[in-house]
């Protein structure tokens, strides 16, 4: 999965558009990676998303309403990411518990054999 790459802008207005487009592209890629449960890509995209957010926030000439809308979209993506990862973590914990129970049952079986 290719990460969105920054392109050098010619003026301040282009910075706004490019930074917002990269943020959108990165969030879209993050959603796709989440759907595929591609944790390596998610880790890389998380770093890229944070970089895009930093770049967007450094530009003080951006329309604040548009900026708020974009950041709320990013927040929703991260809420979804947290929900999915929490569910995955719980599933893994339950699986580990079942493995340990089976292991203990096997030990008991071998004791009375």
N, C-alpha and C. Protein backbone atom coordinates (compact mmCIF):
# COMPACT_ATOMS: atom_id res chain seq x y z
N UNK A 1 0.85 -1.16 0.00
CA UNK A 1 0.00 0.00 0.00
C UNK A 1 0.89 1.23 0.00
N UNK A 2 0.73 2.09 -0.98
CA UNK A 2 1.58 3.27 -1.12
C UNK A 2 1.07 4.37 -0.19
N UNK A 3 2.01 5.01 0.48
CA UNK A 3 1.66 6.13 1.34
C UNK A 3 1.58 7.39 0.52
N UNK A 4 0.65 8.29 0.84
CA UNK A 4 0.59 9.57 0.14
C UNK A 4 1.88 10.34 0.39
N UNK A 5 2.41 10.95 -0.66
CA UNK A 5 3.68 11.67 -0.53
C UNK A 5 3.46 13.15 -0.75
N UNK A 6 4.17 13.98 0.02
CA UNK A 6 4.03 15.41 -0.14
C UNK A 6 4.65 15.90 -1.44
N UNK A 7 4.03 16.92 -2.02
CA UNK A 7 4.59 17.55 -3.20
C UNK A 7 4.84 19.01 -2.88
N UNK A 8 5.93 19.58 -3.38
CA UNK A 8 6.26 20.95 -3.03
C UNK A 8 5.26 21.95 -3.61
N UNK A 9 4.67 22.78 -2.78
CA UNK A 9 3.69 23.76 -3.24
C UNK A 9 4.35 25.02 -3.79
N UNK A 10 3.61 25.75 -4.62
CA UNK A 10 4.12 26.99 -5.20
C UNK A 10 3.71 28.20 -4.37
N UNK A 11 2.53 28.14 -3.74
CA UNK A 11 2.07 29.26 -2.93
C UNK A 11 1.29 28.75 -1.72
N UNK A 12 0.90 29.67 -0.84
CA UNK A 12 0.19 29.29 0.38
C UNK A 12 -1.12 28.59 0.12
N UNK A 13 -1.85 29.03 -0.91
CA UNK A 13 -3.14 28.41 -1.20
C UNK A 13 -2.96 26.95 -1.62
N UNK A 14 -1.91 26.70 -2.38
CA UNK A 14 -1.65 25.33 -2.81
C UNK A 14 -1.25 24.46 -1.62
N UNK A 15 -0.59 25.06 -0.63
CA UNK A 15 -0.26 24.31 0.59
C UNK A 15 -1.55 23.81 1.22
N UNK A 16 -2.54 24.69 1.32
CA UNK A 16 -3.82 24.31 1.92
C UNK A 16 -4.43 23.12 1.20
N UNK A 17 -4.52 23.24 -0.12
CA UNK A 17 -5.16 22.20 -0.93
C UNK A 17 -4.36 20.91 -0.86
N UNK A 18 -3.05 21.00 -1.05
CA UNK A 18 -2.21 19.80 -1.02
C UNK A 18 -2.22 19.12 0.34
N UNK A 19 -2.11 19.90 1.40
CA UNK A 19 -2.10 19.32 2.74
C UNK A 19 -3.43 18.65 3.05
N UNK A 20 -4.52 19.30 2.70
CA UNK A 20 -5.84 18.71 2.94
C UNK A 20 -6.05 17.47 2.08
N UNK A 21 -5.58 17.52 0.84
CA UNK A 21 -5.74 16.36 -0.03
C UNK A 21 -4.93 15.18 0.49
N UNK A 22 -3.71 15.45 0.96
CA UNK A 22 -2.88 14.38 1.53
C UNK A 22 -3.53 13.81 2.78
N UNK A 23 -4.12 14.70 3.59
CA UNK A 23 -4.82 14.24 4.79
C UNK A 23 -5.99 13.34 4.41
N UNK A 24 -6.77 13.77 3.42
CA UNK A 24 -7.89 12.94 2.94
C UNK A 24 -7.39 11.60 2.40
N UNK A 25 -6.35 11.66 1.57
CA UNK A 25 -5.81 10.43 0.98
C UNK A 25 -5.28 9.48 2.06
N UNK A 26 -4.61 10.05 3.05
CA UNK A 26 -4.05 9.23 4.12
C UNK A 26 -5.17 8.59 4.94
N UNK A 27 -6.21 9.35 5.24
CA UNK A 27 -7.34 8.80 5.99
C UNK A 27 -8.05 7.70 5.19
N UNK A 28 -8.21 7.93 3.89
CA UNK A 28 -8.82 6.90 3.03
C UNK A 28 -7.98 5.63 3.04
N UNK A 29 -6.67 5.79 2.94
CA UNK A 29 -5.77 4.63 2.97
C UNK A 29 -5.83 3.94 4.33
N UNK A 30 -5.96 4.72 5.39
CA UNK A 30 -6.06 4.16 6.73
C UNK A 30 -7.35 3.34 6.88
N UNK A 31 -8.44 3.85 6.34
CA UNK A 31 -9.71 3.11 6.36
C UNK A 31 -9.57 1.80 5.58
N UNK A 32 -8.92 1.86 4.43
CA UNK A 32 -8.71 0.65 3.63
C UNK A 32 -7.86 -0.38 4.36
N UNK A 33 -6.78 0.09 4.98
CA UNK A 33 -5.90 -0.82 5.72
C UNK A 33 -6.63 -1.41 6.92
N UNK A 34 -7.47 -0.63 7.54
CA UNK A 34 -8.25 -1.12 8.68
C UNK A 34 -9.21 -2.21 8.23
N UNK A 35 -9.83 -2.01 7.09
CA UNK A 35 -10.74 -3.02 6.55
C UNK A 35 -10.04 -4.33 6.25
N UNK A 36 -8.78 -4.24 5.87
CA UNK A 36 -7.99 -5.44 5.56
C UNK A 36 -7.25 -5.97 6.78
N UNK A 37 -7.34 -5.25 7.90
CA UNK A 37 -6.62 -5.60 9.13
C UNK A 37 -5.11 -5.69 8.86
N UNK A 38 -4.62 -4.75 8.05
CA UNK A 38 -3.20 -4.68 7.71
C UNK A 38 -2.51 -3.77 8.74
N UNK A 39 -2.09 -4.37 9.84
CA UNK A 39 -1.58 -3.60 10.97
C UNK A 39 -0.27 -2.89 10.65
N UNK A 40 0.57 -3.47 9.80
CA UNK A 40 1.82 -2.80 9.41
C UNK A 40 1.51 -1.51 8.64
N UNK A 41 0.58 -1.61 7.69
CA UNK A 41 0.19 -0.42 6.92
C UNK A 41 -0.46 0.61 7.83
N UNK A 42 -1.27 0.16 8.78
CA UNK A 42 -1.93 1.08 9.70
C UNK A 42 -0.89 1.85 10.50
N UNK A 43 0.14 1.17 10.96
CA UNK A 43 1.20 1.84 11.74
C UNK A 43 1.88 2.92 10.90
N UNK A 44 2.19 2.60 9.64
CA UNK A 44 2.85 3.57 8.76
C UNK A 44 1.90 4.72 8.42
N UNK A 45 0.65 4.40 8.16
CA UNK A 45 -0.32 5.43 7.83
C UNK A 45 -0.63 6.33 9.02
N UNK A 46 -0.55 5.78 10.22
CA UNK A 46 -0.75 6.59 11.42
C UNK A 46 0.31 7.68 11.50
N UNK A 47 1.55 7.30 11.24
CA UNK A 47 2.64 8.28 11.25
C UNK A 47 2.42 9.32 10.14
N UNK A 48 2.04 8.86 8.95
CA UNK A 48 1.79 9.77 7.83
C UNK A 48 0.63 10.71 8.15
N UNK A 49 -0.41 10.19 8.79
CA UNK A 49 -1.57 11.01 9.14
C UNK A 49 -1.18 12.09 10.15
N UNK A 50 -0.38 11.71 11.13
CA UNK A 50 0.07 12.68 12.12
C UNK A 50 0.91 13.79 11.47
N UNK A 51 1.73 13.40 10.51
CA UNK A 51 2.54 14.38 9.78
C UNK A 51 1.65 15.34 9.00
N UNK A 52 0.65 14.80 8.33
CA UNK A 52 -0.29 15.63 7.58
C UNK A 52 -1.03 16.59 8.50
N UNK A 53 -1.46 16.10 9.65
CA UNK A 53 -2.17 16.96 10.60
C UNK A 53 -1.25 18.08 11.08
N UNK A 54 -0.01 17.76 11.40
CA UNK A 54 0.95 18.79 11.81
C UNK A 54 1.10 19.85 10.73
N UNK A 55 1.21 19.40 9.49
CA UNK A 55 1.37 20.33 8.37
C UNK A 55 0.14 21.22 8.22
N UNK A 56 -1.03 20.63 8.33
CA UNK A 56 -2.27 21.40 8.20
C UNK A 56 -2.39 22.41 9.33
N UNK A 57 -2.04 22.00 10.54
CA UNK A 57 -2.17 22.90 11.70
C UNK A 57 -1.14 24.03 11.68
N UNK A 58 -0.01 23.81 11.02
CA UNK A 58 1.01 24.86 10.92
C UNK A 58 0.57 26.00 10.02
N UNK A 59 -0.36 25.73 9.13
CA UNK A 59 -0.82 26.74 8.18
C UNK A 59 -1.98 27.51 8.80
N UNK A 60 -1.73 28.74 9.19
CA UNK A 60 -2.74 29.54 9.89
C UNK A 60 -3.70 30.25 8.95
N UNK A 61 -3.48 30.17 7.65
CA UNK A 61 -4.36 30.87 6.70
C UNK A 61 -5.51 29.99 6.23
N UNK A 62 -5.60 28.79 6.73
CA UNK A 62 -6.62 27.85 6.28
C UNK A 62 -7.99 28.23 6.83
N UNK A 63 -9.02 27.96 6.04
CA UNK A 63 -10.40 28.17 6.46
C UNK A 63 -10.67 27.30 7.69
N UNK A 64 -10.98 27.94 8.81
CA UNK A 64 -11.15 27.23 10.07
C UNK A 64 -12.33 26.26 10.06
N UNK A 65 -13.40 26.61 9.35
CA UNK A 65 -14.55 25.70 9.24
C UNK A 65 -14.18 24.43 8.50
N UNK A 66 -13.46 24.59 7.40
CA UNK A 66 -13.02 23.44 6.62
C UNK A 66 -12.03 22.59 7.43
N UNK A 67 -11.12 23.27 8.12
CA UNK A 67 -10.15 22.56 8.95
C UNK A 67 -10.86 21.74 10.03
N UNK A 68 -11.84 22.34 10.66
CA UNK A 68 -12.60 21.64 11.71
C UNK A 68 -13.29 20.41 11.14
N UNK A 69 -13.89 20.57 9.96
CA UNK A 69 -14.59 19.45 9.31
C UNK A 69 -13.61 18.30 9.01
N UNK A 70 -12.45 18.64 8.48
CA UNK A 70 -11.45 17.61 8.15
C UNK A 70 -10.95 16.91 9.41
N UNK A 71 -10.68 17.68 10.45
CA UNK A 71 -10.17 17.08 11.68
C UNK A 71 -11.23 16.22 12.37
N UNK A 72 -12.49 16.60 12.27
CA UNK A 72 -13.57 15.76 12.81
C UNK A 72 -13.65 14.45 12.04
N UNK A 73 -13.40 14.50 10.73
CA UNK A 73 -13.36 13.28 9.93
C UNK A 73 -12.22 12.37 10.36
N UNK A 74 -11.06 12.96 10.62
CA UNK A 74 -9.90 12.19 11.10
C UNK A 74 -10.23 11.57 12.46
N UNK A 75 -10.86 12.35 13.31
CA UNK A 75 -11.23 11.85 14.63
C UNK A 75 -12.16 10.64 14.52
N UNK A 76 -13.09 10.68 13.60
CA UNK A 76 -14.01 9.56 13.39
C UNK A 76 -13.26 8.31 12.91
N UNK A 77 -12.29 8.51 12.03
CA UNK A 77 -11.47 7.38 11.56
C UNK A 77 -10.73 6.75 12.73
N UNK A 78 -10.15 7.58 13.59
CA UNK A 78 -9.40 7.06 14.73
C UNK A 78 -10.32 6.41 15.77
N UNK A 79 -11.53 6.93 15.93
CA UNK A 79 -12.49 6.27 16.83
C UNK A 79 -12.80 4.87 16.32
N UNK A 80 -13.02 4.77 15.01
CA UNK A 80 -13.28 3.47 14.39
C UNK A 80 -12.08 2.54 14.57
N UNK A 81 -10.90 3.08 14.38
CA UNK A 81 -9.67 2.30 14.55
C UNK A 81 -9.55 1.77 15.98
N UNK A 82 -9.85 2.60 16.95
CA UNK A 82 -9.80 2.18 18.36
C UNK A 82 -10.83 1.10 18.63
N UNK A 83 -12.04 1.26 18.10
CA UNK A 83 -13.07 0.24 18.29
C UNK A 83 -12.64 -1.11 17.73
N UNK A 84 -12.10 -1.08 16.51
CA UNK A 84 -11.69 -2.33 15.87
C UNK A 84 -10.52 -2.97 16.61
N UNK A 85 -9.53 -2.18 16.97
CA UNK A 85 -8.37 -2.75 17.65
C UNK A 85 -8.73 -3.27 19.04
N UNK A 86 -9.66 -2.60 19.71
CA UNK A 86 -10.12 -3.09 21.01
C UNK A 86 -10.81 -4.44 20.85
N UNK A 87 -11.64 -4.56 19.84
CA UNK A 87 -12.31 -5.84 19.56
C UNK A 87 -11.32 -6.93 19.22
N UNK A 88 -10.33 -6.60 18.40
CA UNK A 88 -9.30 -7.58 18.03
C UNK A 88 -8.50 -8.02 19.26
N UNK A 89 -8.16 -7.06 20.10
CA UNK A 89 -7.40 -7.38 21.31
C UNK A 89 -8.21 -8.30 22.22
N UNK A 90 -9.51 -8.02 22.35
CA UNK A 90 -10.37 -8.86 23.19
C UNK A 90 -10.47 -10.27 22.62
N UNK A 91 -10.59 -10.37 21.30
CA UNK A 91 -10.67 -11.69 20.66
C UNK A 91 -9.38 -12.49 20.90
N UNK A 92 -8.25 -11.82 20.81
CA UNK A 92 -6.96 -12.48 21.05
C UNK A 92 -6.86 -12.91 22.52
N UNK A 93 -7.31 -12.06 23.43
CA UNK A 93 -7.26 -12.41 24.86
C UNK A 93 -8.13 -13.63 25.14
N UNK A 94 -9.30 -13.68 24.54
CA UNK A 94 -10.18 -14.84 24.73
C UNK A 94 -9.56 -16.11 24.14
N UNK A 95 -8.94 -15.97 23.00
CA UNK A 95 -8.28 -17.12 22.38
C UNK A 95 -7.13 -17.62 23.25
N UNK A 96 -6.36 -16.71 23.80
CA UNK A 96 -5.26 -17.10 24.69
C UNK A 96 -5.79 -17.80 25.94
N UNK A 97 -6.92 -17.31 26.46
CA UNK A 97 -7.51 -17.94 27.64
C UNK A 97 -7.95 -19.37 27.31
N UNK A 98 -8.54 -19.57 26.15
CA UNK A 98 -8.96 -20.91 25.73
C UNK A 98 -7.75 -21.83 25.55
N UNK A 99 -6.69 -21.31 25.00
CA UNK A 99 -5.46 -22.10 24.84
C UNK A 99 -4.93 -22.52 26.20
N UNK A 100 -4.90 -21.59 27.14
CA UNK A 100 -4.41 -21.92 28.48
C UNK A 100 -5.31 -22.94 29.17
N UNK A 101 -6.63 -22.81 28.99
CA UNK A 101 -7.54 -23.79 29.58
C UNK A 101 -7.32 -25.18 28.98
N UNK A 102 -7.12 -25.23 27.69
CA UNK A 102 -6.86 -26.52 27.03
C UNK A 102 -5.54 -27.11 27.50
N UNK A 103 -4.56 -26.26 27.67
CA UNK A 103 -3.25 -26.71 28.15
C UNK A 103 -3.37 -27.28 29.57
N UNK A 104 -4.12 -26.59 30.43
CA UNK A 104 -4.32 -27.07 31.80
C UNK A 104 -5.11 -28.37 31.82
N UNK A 105 -6.11 -28.48 30.97
CA UNK A 105 -6.90 -29.71 30.88
C UNK A 105 -6.02 -30.87 30.43
N UNK A 106 -5.12 -30.59 29.53
CA UNK A 106 -4.20 -31.62 29.05
C UNK A 106 -3.28 -32.09 30.18
N UNK A 107 -2.82 -31.16 31.00
CA UNK A 107 -1.96 -31.52 32.13
C UNK A 107 -2.72 -32.41 33.12
N UNK A 108 -3.97 -32.05 33.40
CA UNK A 108 -4.78 -32.85 34.32
C UNK A 108 -5.00 -34.24 33.74
N UNK A 109 -5.27 -34.31 32.48
CA UNK A 109 -5.49 -35.60 31.82
C UNK A 109 -4.26 -36.49 31.97
N UNK A 110 -3.09 -35.91 31.75
CA UNK A 110 -1.85 -36.69 31.84
C UNK A 110 -1.52 -37.09 33.28
N UNK A 111 -1.99 -36.33 34.26
CA UNK A 111 -1.78 -36.69 35.67
C UNK A 111 -2.52 -37.97 36.04
N UNK A 112 -3.73 -38.13 35.51
CA UNK A 112 -4.57 -39.27 35.89
C UNK A 112 -4.50 -40.41 34.90
N UNK A 113 -3.62 -40.36 34.00
CA UNK A 113 -3.47 -41.41 33.00
C UNK A 113 -2.69 -42.56 33.48
